[in-house]
Amino acid sequence: MTRVVMAVVITVGMVLFTASAFSQAKKPMTIKSGKVHEKCLSLTPPQKLAYSFESAAKVNFNLNYRKGDLVYYPVKLDRTNGEAGIYEAKARENYCLVWENKSGADIALTYSAKIAP
């Protein structure tokens, strides 16, 4: 019985975190043709980064962090109009959300990024 109650509490907590993370106001922006937009945040385990975005045209998207000269890509998507996810920090790092516009025109995009403990 205790395990069932604990599982329900954990599940409800995760649902509430996910709902609040994705319901926050999205930030609008325009990415110029051939340019990149980057939003970086410092995370420490066990913090989580909830992110989402929608774009008017396809963009390349990644979530990355650096260790010395190496760049790691926990999330990497090519030619997408949107994505939503929750990434749990594995190490204390600066994590960057990056959108790349390889099209011949400017692209309107909205995104949100929220850190949770």
PDB file of N, CA and C in Angstrom:
ATOM      1  N   MET A   1       0.815  -1.195   0.000  1.00  0.00           N
ATOM      2  CA  MET A   1       0.000   0.000   0.000  1.00  0.00           C
ATOM      3  C   MET A   1       0.861   1.263   0.000  1.00  0.00           C
ATOM      4  N   THR A   2       1.911   1.286   0.827  1.00  0.00           N
ATOM      5  CA  THR A   2       2.794   2.447   0.893  1.00  0.00           C
ATOM      6  C   THR A   2       3.480   2.694  -0.451  1.00  0.00           C
ATOM      7  N   ARG A   3       3.903   1.634  -1.128  1.00  0.00           N
ATOM      8  CA  ARG A   3       4.554   1.785  -2.433  1.00  0.00           C
ATOM      9  C   ARG A   3       3.596   2.361  -3.465  1.00  0.00           C
ATOM     10  N   VAL A   4       2.352   1.934  -3.414  1.00  0.00           N
ATOM     11  CA  VAL A   4       1.357   2.442  -4.356  1.00  0.00           C
ATOM     12  C   VAL A   4       1.125   3.934  -4.127  1.00  0.00           C
ATOM     13  N   VAL A   5       0.978   4.336  -2.881  1.00  0.00           N
ATOM     14  CA  VAL A   5       0.776   5.746  -2.552  1.00  0.00           C
ATOM     15  C   VAL A   5       1.991   6.561  -2.990  1.00  0.00           C
ATOM     16  N   MET A   6       3.188   6.067  -2.713  1.00  0.00           N
ATOM     17  CA  MET A   6       4.421   6.757  -3.112  1.00  0.00           C
ATOM     18  C   MET A   6       4.490   6.894  -4.631  1.00  0.00           C
ATOM     19  N   ALA A   7       4.149   5.841  -5.365  1.00  0.00           N
ATOM     20  CA  ALA A   7       4.167   5.883  -6.831  1.00  0.00           C
ATOM     21  C   ALA A   7       3.175   6.917  -7.349  1.00  0.00           C
ATOM     22  N   VAL A   8       1.993   6.994  -6.739  1.00  0.00           N
ATOM     23  CA  VAL A   8       0.989   7.976  -7.148  1.00  0.00           C
ATOM     24  C   VAL A   8       1.480   9.390  -6.874  1.00  0.00           C
ATOM     25  N   VAL A   9       2.075   9.626  -5.720  1.00  0.00           N
ATOM     26  CA  VAL A   9       2.596  10.947  -5.371  1.00  0.00           C
ATOM     27  C   VAL A   9       3.695  11.362  -6.353  1.00  0.00           C
ATOM     28  N   ILE A  10       4.596  10.469  -6.668  1.00  0.00           N
ATOM     29  CA  ILE A  10       5.675  10.775  -7.611  1.00  0.00           C
ATOM     30  C   ILE A  10       5.104  11.078  -8.988  1.00  0.00           C
ATOM     31  N   THR A  11       4.167  10.262  -9.442  1.00  0.00           N
ATOM     32  CA  THR A  11       3.566  10.466 -10.759  1.00  0.00           C
ATOM     33  C   THR A  11       2.837  11.796 -10.827  1.00  0.00           C
ATOM     34  N   VAL A  12       2.046  12.127  -9.830  1.00  0.00           N
ATOM     35  CA  VAL A  12       1.327  13.403  -9.799  1.00  0.00           C
ATOM     36  C   VAL A  12       2.317  14.563  -9.800  1.00  0.00           C
ATOM     37  N   GLY A  13       3.380  14.456  -9.025  1.00  0.00           N
ATOM     38  CA  GLY A  13       4.401  15.510  -8.994  1.00  0.00           C
ATOM     39  C   GLY A  13       5.045  15.727 -10.353  1.00  0.00           C
ATOM     40  N   MET A  14       5.353  14.650 -11.051  1.00  0.00           N
ATOM     41  CA  MET A  14       5.969  14.768 -12.386  1.00  0.00           C
ATOM     42  C   MET A  14       4.990  15.389 -13.371  1.00  0.00           C
ATOM     43  N   VAL A  15       3.725  15.012 -13.308  1.00  0.00           N
ATOM     44  CA  VAL A  15       2.717  15.582 -14.196  1.00  0.00           C
ATOM     45  C   VAL A  15       2.563  17.075 -13.932  1.00  0.00           C
ATOM     46  N   LEU A  16       2.508  17.480 -12.665  1.00  0.00           N
ATOM     47  CA  LEU A  16       2.382  18.896 -12.330  1.00  0.00           C
ATOM     48  C   LEU A  16       3.605  19.685 -12.788  1.00  0.00           C
ATOM     49  N   PHE A  17       4.829  19.122 -12.593  1.00  0.00           N
ATOM     50  CA  PHE A  17       6.047  19.806 -13.049  1.00  0.00           C
ATOM     51  C   PHE A  17       6.009  19.977 -14.554  1.00  0.00           C
ATOM     52  N   THR A  18       5.653  18.914 -15.278  1.00  0.00           N
ATOM     53  CA  THR A  18       5.619  18.971 -16.740  1.00  0.00           C
ATOM     54  C   THR A  18       4.597  19.994 -17.206  1.00  0.00           C
ATOM     55  N   ALA A  19       3.416  19.991 -16.615  1.00  0.00           N
ATOM     56  CA  ALA A  19       2.377  20.937 -17.017  1.00  0.00           C
ATOM     57  C   ALA A  19       2.808  22.376 -16.766  1.00  0.00           C
ATOM     58  N   SER A  20       3.390  22.652 -15.599  1.00  0.00           N
ATOM     59  CA  SER A  20       3.799  24.023 -15.301  1.00  0.00           C
ATOM     60  C   SER A  20       4.988  24.453 -16.158  1.00  0.00           C
ATOM     61  N   ALA A  21       5.874  23.527 -16.463  1.00  0.00           N
ATOM     62  CA  ALA A  21       7.050  23.860 -17.276  1.00  0.00           C
ATOM     63  C   ALA A  21       6.651  24.258 -18.683  1.00  0.00           C
ATOM     64  N   PHE A  22       5.668  23.566 -19.250  1.00  0.00           N
ATOM     65  CA  PHE A  22       5.291  23.841 -20.628  1.00  0.00           C
ATOM     66  C   PHE A  22       4.207  24.900 -20.753  1.00  0.00           C
ATOM     67  N   SER A  23       3.607  25.318 -19.643  1.00  0.00           N
ATOM     68  CA  SER A  23       2.551  26.309 -19.719  1.00  0.00           C
ATOM     69  C   SER A  23       3.090  27.733 -19.533  1.00  0.00           C
ATOM     70  N   GLN A  24       4.372  27.865 -19.215  1.00  0.00           N
ATOM     71  CA  GLN A  24       4.925  29.199 -19.020  1.00  0.00           C
ATOM     72  C   GLN A  24       4.931  29.948 -20.345  1.00  0.00           C
ATOM     73  N   ALA A  25       5.003  31.273 -20.272  1.00  0.00           N
ATOM     74  CA  ALA A  25       4.974  32.108 -21.461  1.00  0.00           C
ATOM     75  C   ALA A  25       6.143  31.787 -22.380  1.00  0.00           C
ATOM     76  N   LYS A  26       5.829  31.675 -23.645  1.00  0.00           N
ATOM     77  CA  LYS A  26       6.882  31.419 -24.633  1.00  0.00           C
ATOM     78  C   LYS A  26       7.464  32.738 -25.099  1.00  0.00           C
ATOM     79  N   LYS A  27       8.753  32.725 -25.374  1.00  0.00           N
ATOM     80  CA  LYS A  27       9.448  33.927 -25.821  1.00  0.00           C
ATOM     81  C   LYS A  27       9.506  33.921 -27.350  1.00  0.00           C
ATOM     82  N   PRO A  28       8.976  34.955 -27.991  1.00  0.00           N
ATOM     83  CA  PRO A  28       9.052  35.020 -29.456  1.00  0.00           C
ATOM     84  C   PRO A  28      10.389  35.600 -29.905  1.00  0.00           C
ATOM     85  N   MET A  29      10.844  35.166 -31.059  1.00  0.00           N
ATOM     86  CA  MET A  29      12.079  35.710 -31.625  1.00  0.00           C
ATOM     87  C   MET A  29      12.096  35.419 -33.117  1.00  0.00           C
ATOM     88  N   THR A  30      13.028  36.047 -33.804  1.00  0.00           N
ATOM     89  CA  THR A  30      13.242  35.798 -35.226  1.00  0.00           C
ATOM     90  C   THR A  30      14.692  35.392 -35.410  1.00  0.00           C
ATOM     91  N   ILE A  31      14.899  34.301 -36.124  1.00  0.00           N
ATOM     92  CA  ILE A  31      16.273  33.879 -36.442  1.00  0.00           C
ATOM     93  C   ILE A  31      16.527  34.262 -37.890  1.00  0.00           C
ATOM     94  N   LYS A  32      17.505  35.103 -38.094  1.00  0.00           N
ATOM     95  CA  LYS A  32      17.862  35.551 -39.438  1.00  0.00           C
ATOM     96  C   LYS A  32      18.373  34.379 -40.280  1.00  0.00           C
ATOM     97  N   SER A  33      18.212  34.490 -41.568  1.00  0.00           N
ATOM     98  CA  SER A  33      18.674  33.465 -42.503  1.00  0.00           C
ATOM     99  C   SER A  33      20.169  33.199 -42.316  1.00  0.00           C
ATOM    100  N   GLY A  34      20.529  31.931 -42.161  1.00  0.00           N
ATOM    101  CA  GLY A  34      21.925  31.547 -42.008  1.00  0.00           C
ATOM    102  C   GLY A  34      22.497  31.782 -40.617  1.00  0.00           C
ATOM    103  N   LYS A  35      21.677  32.180 -39.668  1.00  0.00           N
ATOM    104  CA  LYS A  35      22.158  32.502 -38.324  1.00  0.00           C
ATOM    105  C   LYS A  35      21.723  31.464 -37.292  1.00  0.00           C
ATOM    106  N   VAL A  36      22.267  31.637 -36.068  1.00  0.00           N
ATOM    107  CA  VAL A  36      22.014  30.734 -34.947  1.00  0.00           C
ATOM    108  C   VAL A  36      21.541  31.563 -33.756  1.00  0.00           C
ATOM    109  N   HIS A  37      20.623  31.012 -32.972  1.00  0.00           N
ATOM    110  CA  HIS A  37      20.243  31.616 -31.691  1.00  0.00           C
ATOM    111  C   HIS A  37      20.566  30.609 -30.599  1.00  0.00           C
ATOM    112  N   GLU A  38      21.164  31.109 -29.518  1.00  0.00           N
ATOM    113  CA  GLU A  38      21.597  30.230 -28.431  1.00  0.00           C
ATOM    114  C   GLU A  38      21.106  30.782 -27.099  1.00  0.00           C
ATOM    115  N   LYS A  39      20.557  29.896 -26.268  1.00  0.00           N
ATOM    116  CA  LYS A  39      20.124  30.245 -24.909  1.00  0.00           C
ATOM    117  C   LYS A  39      20.807  29.274 -23.969  1.00  0.00           C
ATOM    118  N   CYS A  40      21.688  29.782 -23.086  1.00  0.00           N
ATOM    119  CA  CYS A  40      22.467  28.913 -22.198  1.00  0.00           C
ATOM    120  C   CYS A  40      22.036  29.106 -20.745  1.00  0.00           C
ATOM    121  N   LEU A  41      22.040  27.998 -20.014  1.00  0.00           N
ATOM    122  CA  LEU A  41      21.647  27.979 -18.609  1.00  0.00           C
ATOM    123  C   LEU A  41      22.594  27.072 -17.845  1.00  0.00           C
ATOM    124  N   SER A  42      22.904  27.452 -16.626  1.00  0.00           N
ATOM    125  CA  SER A  42      23.756  26.639 -15.780  1.00  0.00           C
ATOM    126  C   SER A  42      22.888  25.675 -14.975  1.00  0.00           C
ATOM    127  N   LEU A  43      23.203  24.379 -15.050  1.00  0.00           N
ATOM    128  CA  LEU A  43      22.454  23.348 -14.331  1.00  0.00           C
ATOM    129  C   LEU A  43      23.382  22.533 -13.456  1.00  0.00           C
ATOM    130  N   THR A  44      22.854  22.118 -12.322  1.00  0.00           N
ATOM    131  CA  THR A  44      23.555  21.242 -11.392  1.00  0.00           C
ATOM    132  C   THR A  44      22.631  20.074 -11.068  1.00  0.00           C
ATOM    133  N   PRO A  45      23.140  18.823 -11.118  1.00  0.00           N
ATOM    134  CA  PRO A  45      22.284  17.683 -10.779  1.00  0.00           C
ATOM    135  C   PRO A  45      21.682  17.860  -9.391  1.00  0.00           C
ATOM    136  N   PRO A  46      20.465  17.500  -9.172  1.00  0.00           N
ATOM    137  CA  PRO A  46      19.523  16.808 -10.061  1.00  0.00           C
ATOM    138  C   PRO A  46      18.563  17.762 -10.782  1.00  0.00           C
ATOM    139  N   GLN A  47      18.975  19.007 -11.054  1.00  0.00           N
ATOM    140  CA  GLN A  47      18.092  19.944 -11.740  1.00  0.00           C
ATOM    141  C   GLN A  47      17.689  19.411 -13.103  1.00  0.00           C
ATOM    142  N   LYS A  48      16.510  19.864 -13.535  1.00  0.00           N
ATOM    143  CA  LYS A  48      15.992  19.475 -14.847  1.00  0.00           C
ATOM    144  C   LYS A  48      15.723  20.736 -15.662  1.00  0.00           C
ATOM    145  N   LEU A  49      15.901  20.624 -16.947  1.00  0.00           N
ATOM    146  CA  LEU A  49      15.590  21.706 -17.876  1.00  0.00           C
ATOM    147  C   LEU A  49      14.396  21.270 -18.714  1.00  0.00           C
ATOM    148  N   ALA A  50      13.283  21.971 -18.540  1.00  0.00           N
ATOM    149  CA  ALA A  50      12.097  21.725 -19.369  1.00  0.00           C
ATOM    150  C   ALA A  50      12.147  22.745 -20.504  1.00  0.00           C
ATOM    151  N   TYR A  51      12.056  22.287 -21.728  1.00  0.00           N
ATOM    152  CA  TYR A  51      12.146  23.181 -22.875  1.00  0.00           C
ATOM    153  C   TYR A  51      11.077  22.806 -23.901  1.00  0.00           C
ATOM    154  N   SER A  52      10.684  23.791 -24.678  1.00  0.00           N
ATOM    155  CA  SER A  52       9.785  23.550 -25.805  1.00  0.00           C
ATOM    156  C   SER A  52       9.965  24.683 -26.798  1.00  0.00           C
ATOM    157  N   PHE A  53       9.665  24.412 -28.058  1.00  0.00           N
ATOM    158  CA  PHE A  53       9.686  25.464 -29.067  1.00  0.00           C
ATOM    159  C   PHE A  53       8.835  25.061 -30.258  1.00  0.00           C
ATOM    160  N   GLU A  54       8.429  26.085 -30.994  1.00  0.00           N
ATOM    161  CA  GLU A  54       7.706  25.926 -32.250  1.00  0.00           C
ATOM    162  C   GLU A  54       8.272  26.950 -33.218  1.00  0.00           C
ATOM    163  N   SER A  55       8.485  26.532 -34.465  1.00  0.00           N
ATOM    164  CA  SER A  55       8.997  27.467 -35.457  1.00  0.00           C
ATOM    165  C   SER A  55       8.122  27.436 -36.706  1.00  0.00           C
ATOM    166  N   ALA A  56       8.114  28.555 -37.415  1.00  0.00           N
ATOM    167  CA  ALA A  56       7.304  28.697 -38.614  1.00  0.00           C
ATOM    168  C   ALA A  56       7.867  27.881 -39.778  1.00  0.00           C
ATOM    169  N   ALA A  57       9.139  27.561 -39.723  1.00  0.00           N
ATOM    170  CA  ALA A  57       9.796  26.739 -40.753  1.00  0.00           C
ATOM    171  C   ALA A  57      10.797  25.826 -40.051  1.00  0.00           C
ATOM    172  N   LYS A  58      11.319  24.889 -40.773  1.00  0.00           N
ATOM    173  CA  LYS A  58      12.217  23.891 -40.174  1.00  0.00           C
ATOM    174  C   LYS A  58      13.553  24.522 -39.769  1.00  0.00           C
ATOM    175  N   VAL A  59      14.009  24.138 -38.563  1.00  0.00           N
ATOM    176  CA  VAL A  59      15.298  24.578 -38.030  1.00  0.00           C
ATOM    177  C   VAL A  59      16.054  23.353 -37.530  1.00  0.00           C
ATOM    178  N   ASN A  60      17.352  23.489 -37.379  1.00  0.00           N
ATOM    179  CA  ASN A  60      18.144  22.479 -36.689  1.00  0.00           C
ATOM    180  C   ASN A  60      18.189  22.895 -35.220  1.00  0.00           C
ATOM    181  N   PHE A  61      18.042  21.922 -34.324  1.00  0.00           N
ATOM    182  CA  PHE A  61      17.989  22.204 -32.896  1.00  0.00           C
ATOM    183  C   PHE A  61      18.896  21.246 -32.151  1.00  0.00           C
ATOM    184  N   ASN A  62      19.565  21.774 -31.118  1.00  0.00           N
ATOM    185  CA  ASN A  62      20.310  20.879 -30.226  1.00  0.00           C
ATOM    186  C   ASN A  62      20.386  21.463 -28.831  1.00  0.00           C
ATOM    187  N   LEU A  63      20.585  20.568 -27.895  1.00  0.00           N
ATOM    188  CA  LEU A  63      20.901  20.897 -26.509  1.00  0.00           C
ATOM    189  C   LEU A  63      22.312  20.371 -26.310  1.00  0.00           C
ATOM    190  N   ASN A  64      23.243  21.259 -25.950  1.00  0.00           N
ATOM    191  CA  ASN A  64      24.635  20.817 -25.842  1.00  0.00           C
ATOM    192  C   ASN A  64      25.310  21.377 -24.601  1.00  0.00           C
ATOM    193  N   TYR A  65      26.447  20.778 -24.290  1.00  0.00           N
ATOM    194  CA  TYR A  65      27.329  21.305 -23.250  1.00  0.00           C
ATOM    195  C   TYR A  65      28.759  20.966 -23.643  1.00  0.00           C
ATOM    196  N   ARG A  66      29.700  21.739 -23.091  1.00  0.00           N
ATOM    197  CA  ARG A  66      31.122  21.570 -23.424  1.00  0.00           C
ATOM    198  C   ARG A  66      31.912  21.071 -22.227  1.00  0.00           C
ATOM    199  N   LYS A  67      32.885  20.223 -22.537  1.00  0.00           N
ATOM    200  CA  LYS A  67      33.891  19.801 -21.553  1.00  0.00           C
ATOM    201  C   LYS A  67      35.229  19.963 -22.251  1.00  0.00           C
ATOM    202  N   GLY A  68      35.924  21.028 -21.891  1.00  0.00           N
ATOM    203  CA  GLY A  68      37.179  21.327 -22.576  1.00  0.00           C
ATOM    204  C   GLY A  68      36.895  21.667 -24.023  1.00  0.00           C
ATOM    205  N   ASP A  69      37.583  20.992 -24.940  1.00  0.00           N
ATOM    206  CA  ASP A  69      37.400  21.241 -26.366  1.00  0.00           C
ATOM    207  C   ASP A  69      36.279  20.398 -26.974  1.00  0.00           C
ATOM    208  N   LEU A  70      35.693  19.496 -26.182  1.00  0.00           N
ATOM    209  CA  LEU A  70      34.658  18.600 -26.697  1.00  0.00           C
ATOM    210  C   LEU A  70      33.262  19.174 -26.456  1.00  0.00           C
ATOM    211  N   VAL A  71      32.373  18.956 -27.431  1.00  0.00           N
ATOM    212  CA  VAL A  71      30.980  19.366 -27.310  1.00  0.00           C
ATOM    213  C   VAL A  71      30.127  18.104 -27.312  1.00  0.00           C
ATOM    214  N   TYR A  72      29.227  17.996 -26.326  1.00  0.00           N
ATOM    215  CA  TYR A  72      28.327  16.848 -26.209  1.00  0.00           C
ATOM    216  C   TYR A  72      26.910  17.300 -26.540  1.00  0.00           C
ATOM    217  N   TYR A  73      26.170  16.439 -27.241  1.00  0.00           N
ATOM    218  CA  TYR A  73      24.818  16.744 -27.694  1.00  0.00           C
ATOM    219  C   TYR A  73      23.819  15.738 -27.140  1.00  0.00           C
ATOM    220  N   PRO A  74      23.265  15.969 -25.944  1.00  0.00           N
ATOM    221  CA  PRO A  74      22.246  15.051 -25.423  1.00  0.00           C
ATOM    222  C   PRO A  74      20.985  15.027 -26.291  1.00  0.00           C
ATOM    223  N   VAL A  75      20.691  16.157 -26.954  1.00  0.00           N
ATOM    224  CA  VAL A  75      19.539  16.237 -27.869  1.00  0.00           C
ATOM    225  C   VAL A  75      20.022  16.904 -29.145  1.00  0.00           C
ATOM    226  N   LYS A  76      19.719  16.282 -30.298  1.00  0.00           N
ATOM    227  CA  LYS A  76      20.107  16.868 -31.576  1.00  0.00           C
ATOM    228  C   LYS A  76      19.077  16.469 -32.624  1.00  0.00           C
ATOM    229  N   LEU A  77      18.417  17.483 -33.206  1.00  0.00           N
ATOM    230  CA  LEU A  77      17.382  17.247 -34.216  1.00  0.00           C
ATOM    231  C   LEU A  77      17.640  18.124 -35.431  1.00  0.00           C
ATOM    232  N   ASP A  78      17.537  17.544 -36.601  1.00  0.00           N
ATOM    233  CA  ASP A  78      17.682  18.302 -37.842  1.00  0.00           C
ATOM    234  C   ASP A  78      16.310  18.508 -38.466  1.00  0.00           C
ATOM    235  N   ARG A  79      16.134  19.684 -39.044  1.00  0.00           N
ATOM    236  CA  ARG A  79      14.931  20.024 -39.799  1.00  0.00           C
ATOM    237  C   ARG A  79      13.646  19.694 -39.047  1.00  0.00           C
ATOM    238  N   THR A  80      13.415  20.399 -37.963  1.00  0.00           N
ATOM    239  CA  THR A  80      12.222  20.201 -37.154  1.00  0.00           C
ATOM    240  C   THR A  80      11.470  21.521 -36.977  1.00  0.00           C
ATOM    241  N   ASN A  81      10.164  21.427 -36.817  1.00  0.00           N
ATOM    242  CA  ASN A  81       9.330  22.607 -36.566  1.00  0.00           C
ATOM    243  C   ASN A  81       9.028  22.796 -35.083  1.00  0.00           C
ATOM    244  N   GLY A  82       9.466  21.846 -34.249  1.00  0.00           N
ATOM    245  CA  GLY A  82       9.201  21.984 -32.826  1.00  0.00           C
ATOM    246  C   GLY A  82       9.637  20.765 -32.052  1.00  0.00           C
ATOM    247  N   GLU A  83       9.717  20.964 -30.752  1.00  0.00           N
ATOM    248  CA  GLU A  83      10.144  19.884 -29.854  1.00  0.00           C
ATOM    249  C   GLU A  83       9.795  20.311 -28.439  1.00  0.00           C
ATOM    250  N   ALA A  84       9.578  19.340 -27.581  1.00  0.00           N
ATOM    251  CA  ALA A  84       9.375  19.594 -26.160  1.00  0.00           C
ATOM    252  C   ALA A  84      10.014  18.443 -25.407  1.00  0.00           C
ATOM    253  N   GLY A  85      10.674  18.753 -24.312  1.00  0.00           N
ATOM    254  CA  GLY A  85      11.308  17.695 -23.540  1.00  0.00           C
ATOM    255  C   GLY A  85      11.766  18.186 -22.180  1.00  0.00           C
ATOM    256  N   ILE A  86      12.205  17.228 -21.393  1.00  0.00           N
ATOM    257  CA  ILE A  86      12.776  17.514 -20.075  1.00  0.00           C
ATOM    258  C   ILE A  86      14.116  16.793 -20.018  1.00  0.00           C
ATOM    259  N   TYR A  87      15.164  17.553 -19.767  1.00  0.00           N
ATOM    260  CA  TYR A  87      16.507  16.983 -19.683  1.00  0.00           C
ATOM    261  C   TYR A  87      17.011  17.114 -18.253  1.00  0.00           C
ATOM    262  N   GLU A  88      17.457  16.014 -17.675  1.00  0.00           N
ATOM    263  CA  GLU A  88      18.013  16.030 -16.325  1.00  0.00           C
ATOM    264  C   GLU A  88      19.530  16.149 -16.409  1.00  0.00           C
ATOM    265  N   ALA A  89      20.076  17.161 -15.745  1.00  0.00           N
ATOM    266  CA  ALA A  89      21.522  17.393 -15.763  1.00  0.00           C
ATOM    267  C   ALA A  89      22.269  16.191 -15.189  1.00  0.00           C
ATOM    268  N   LYS A  90      23.303  15.765 -15.890  1.00  0.00           N
ATOM    269  CA  LYS A  90      24.139  14.653 -15.433  1.00  0.00           C
ATOM    270  C   LYS A  90      25.366  15.148 -14.683  1.00  0.00           C
ATOM    271  N   ALA A  91      25.717  16.420 -14.959  1.00  0.00           N
ATOM    272  CA  ALA A  91      26.895  17.032 -14.327  1.00  0.00           C
ATOM    273  C   ALA A  91      26.669  18.542 -14.266  1.00  0.00           C
ATOM    274  N   ARG A  92      27.428  19.221 -13.401  1.00  0.00           N
ATOM    275  CA  ARG A  92      27.328  20.679 -13.330  1.00  0.00           C
ATOM    276  C   ARG A  92      27.993  21.263 -14.572  1.00  0.00           C
ATOM    277  N   GLU A  93      27.170  21.863 -15.415  1.00  0.00           N
ATOM    278  CA  GLU A  93      27.652  22.406 -16.690  1.00  0.00           C
ATOM    279  C   GLU A  93      26.768  23.568 -17.122  1.00  0.00           C
ATOM    280  N   ASN A  94      27.240  24.307 -18.109  1.00  0.00           N
ATOM    281  CA  ASN A  94      26.406  25.267 -18.815  1.00  0.00           C
ATOM    282  C   ASN A  94      25.820  24.520 -20.009  1.00  0.00           C
ATOM    283  N   TYR A  95      24.505  24.415 -20.047  1.00  0.00           N
ATOM    284  CA  TYR A  95      23.806  23.717 -21.121  1.00  0.00           C
ATOM    285  C   TYR A  95      23.202  24.769 -22.046  1.00  0.00           C
ATOM    286  N   CYS A  96      23.338  24.555 -23.347  1.00  0.00           N
ATOM    287  CA  CYS A  96      22.848  25.533 -24.318  1.00  0.00           C
ATOM    288  C   CYS A  96      21.807  24.919 -25.246  1.00  0.00           C
ATOM    289  N   LEU A  97      20.692  25.632 -25.380  1.00  0.00           N
ATOM    290  CA  LEU A  97      19.691  25.319 -26.385  1.00  0.00           C
ATOM    291  C   LEU A  97      20.091  26.118 -27.624  1.00  0.00           C
ATOM    292  N   VAL A  98      20.199  25.454 -28.783  1.00  0.00           N
ATOM    293  CA  VAL A  98      20.680  26.121 -29.991  1.00  0.00           C
ATOM    294  C   VAL A  98      19.729  25.833 -31.146  1.00  0.00           C
ATOM    295  N   TRP A  99      19.317  26.923 -31.828  1.00  0.00           N
ATOM    296  CA  TRP A  99      18.492  26.805 -33.022  1.00  0.00           C
ATOM    297  C   TRP A  99      19.282  27.376 -34.191  1.00  0.00           C
ATOM    298  N   GLU A 100      19.309  26.666 -35.300  1.00  0.00           N
ATOM    299  CA  GLU A 100      20.057  27.100 -36.482  1.00  0.00           C
ATOM    300  C   GLU A 100      19.107  27.208 -37.668  1.00  0.00           C
ATOM    301  N   ASN A 101      19.147  28.359 -38.329  1.00  0.00           N
ATOM    302  CA  ASN A 101      18.323  28.613 -39.506  1.00  0.00           C
ATOM    303  C   ASN A 101      19.186  28.476 -40.754  1.00  0.00           C
ATOM    304  N   LYS A 102      19.020  27.384 -41.484  1.00  0.00           N
ATOM    305  CA  LYS A 102      19.784  27.172 -42.713  1.00  0.00           C
ATOM    306  C   LYS A 102      18.977  27.540 -43.953  1.00  0.00           C
ATOM    307  N   SER A 103      17.789  28.125 -43.741  1.00  0.00           N
ATOM    308  CA  SER A 103      16.939  28.477 -44.876  1.00  0.00           C
ATOM    309  C   SER A 103      17.380  29.802 -45.487  1.00  0.00           C
ATOM    310  N   GLY A 104      16.739  30.172 -46.562  1.00  0.00           N
ATOM    311  CA  GLY A 104      17.051  31.424 -47.235  1.00  0.00           C
ATOM    312  C   GLY A 104      16.221  32.594 -46.747  1.00  0.00           C
ATOM    313  N   ALA A 105      15.431  32.392 -45.678  1.00  0.00           N
ATOM    314  CA  ALA A 105      14.567  33.453 -45.160  1.00  0.00           C
ATOM    315  C   ALA A 105      14.615  33.463 -43.629  1.00  0.00           C
ATOM    316  N   ASP A 106      14.226  34.593 -43.049  1.00  0.00           N
ATOM    317  CA  ASP A 106      14.127  34.682 -41.595  1.00  0.00           C
ATOM    318  C   ASP A 106      13.010  33.755 -41.107  1.00  0.00           C
ATOM    319  N   ILE A 107      13.157  33.226 -39.881  1.00  0.00           N
ATOM    320  CA  ILE A 107      12.173  32.294 -39.325  1.00  0.00           C
ATOM    321  C   ILE A 107      11.704  32.804 -37.965  1.00  0.00           C
ATOM    322  N   ALA A 108      10.380  32.855 -37.790  1.00  0.00           N
ATOM    323  CA  ALA A 108       9.795  33.196 -36.492  1.00  0.00           C
ATOM    324  C   ALA A 108       9.772  31.930 -35.631  1.00  0.00           C
ATOM    325  N   LEU A 109      10.141  32.083 -34.366  1.00  0.00           N
ATOM    326  CA  LEU A 109      10.214  30.950 -33.455  1.00  0.00           C
ATOM    327  C   LEU A 109       9.791  31.420 -32.066  1.00  0.00           C
ATOM    328  N   THR A 110       9.091  30.552 -31.326  1.00  0.00           N
ATOM    329  CA  THR A 110       8.802  30.822 -29.929  1.00  0.00           C
ATOM    330  C   THR A 110       9.355  29.667 -29.106  1.00  0.00           C
ATOM    331  N   TYR A 111       9.870  30.002 -27.921  1.00  0.00           N
ATOM    332  CA  TYR A 111      10.427  28.936 -27.068  1.00  0.00           C
ATOM    333  C   TYR A 111      10.215  29.257 -25.607  1.00  0.00           C
ATOM    334  N   SER A 112      10.332  28.205 -24.797  1.00  0.00           N
ATOM    335  CA  SER A 112      10.358  28.387 -23.351  1.00  0.00           C
ATOM    336  C   SER A 112      11.422  27.443 -22.800  1.00  0.00           C
ATOM    337  N   ALA A 113      12.034  27.867 -21.717  1.00  0.00           N
ATOM    338  CA  ALA A 113      13.053  27.061 -21.031  1.00  0.00           C
ATOM    339  C   ALA A 113      12.937  27.379 -19.554  1.00  0.00           C
ATOM    340  N   LYS A 114      12.784  26.337 -18.740  1.00  0.00           N
ATOM    341  CA  LYS A 114      12.601  26.509 -17.306  1.00  0.00           C
ATOM    342  C   LYS A 114      13.432  25.490 -16.554  1.00  0.00           C
ATOM    343  N   ILE A 115      14.126  25.958 -15.511  1.00  0.00           N
ATOM    344  CA  ILE A 115      14.907  25.060 -14.668  1.00  0.00           C
ATOM    345  C   ILE A 115      14.079  24.697 -13.446  1.00  0.00           C
ATOM    346  N   ALA A 116      14.093  23.413 -13.111  1.00  0.00           N
ATOM    347  CA  ALA A 116      13.402  22.935 -11.902  1.00  0.00           C
ATOM    348  C   ALA A 116      14.416  22.219 -11.031  1.00  0.00           C
ATOM    349  N   PRO A 117      14.235  22.303  -9.700  1.00  0.00           N
ATOM    350  CA  PRO A 117      15.187  21.644  -8.786  1.00  0.00           C
ATOM    351  C   PRO A 117      15.121  20.121  -8.882  1.00  0.00           C
TER     352      PRO A 117
END
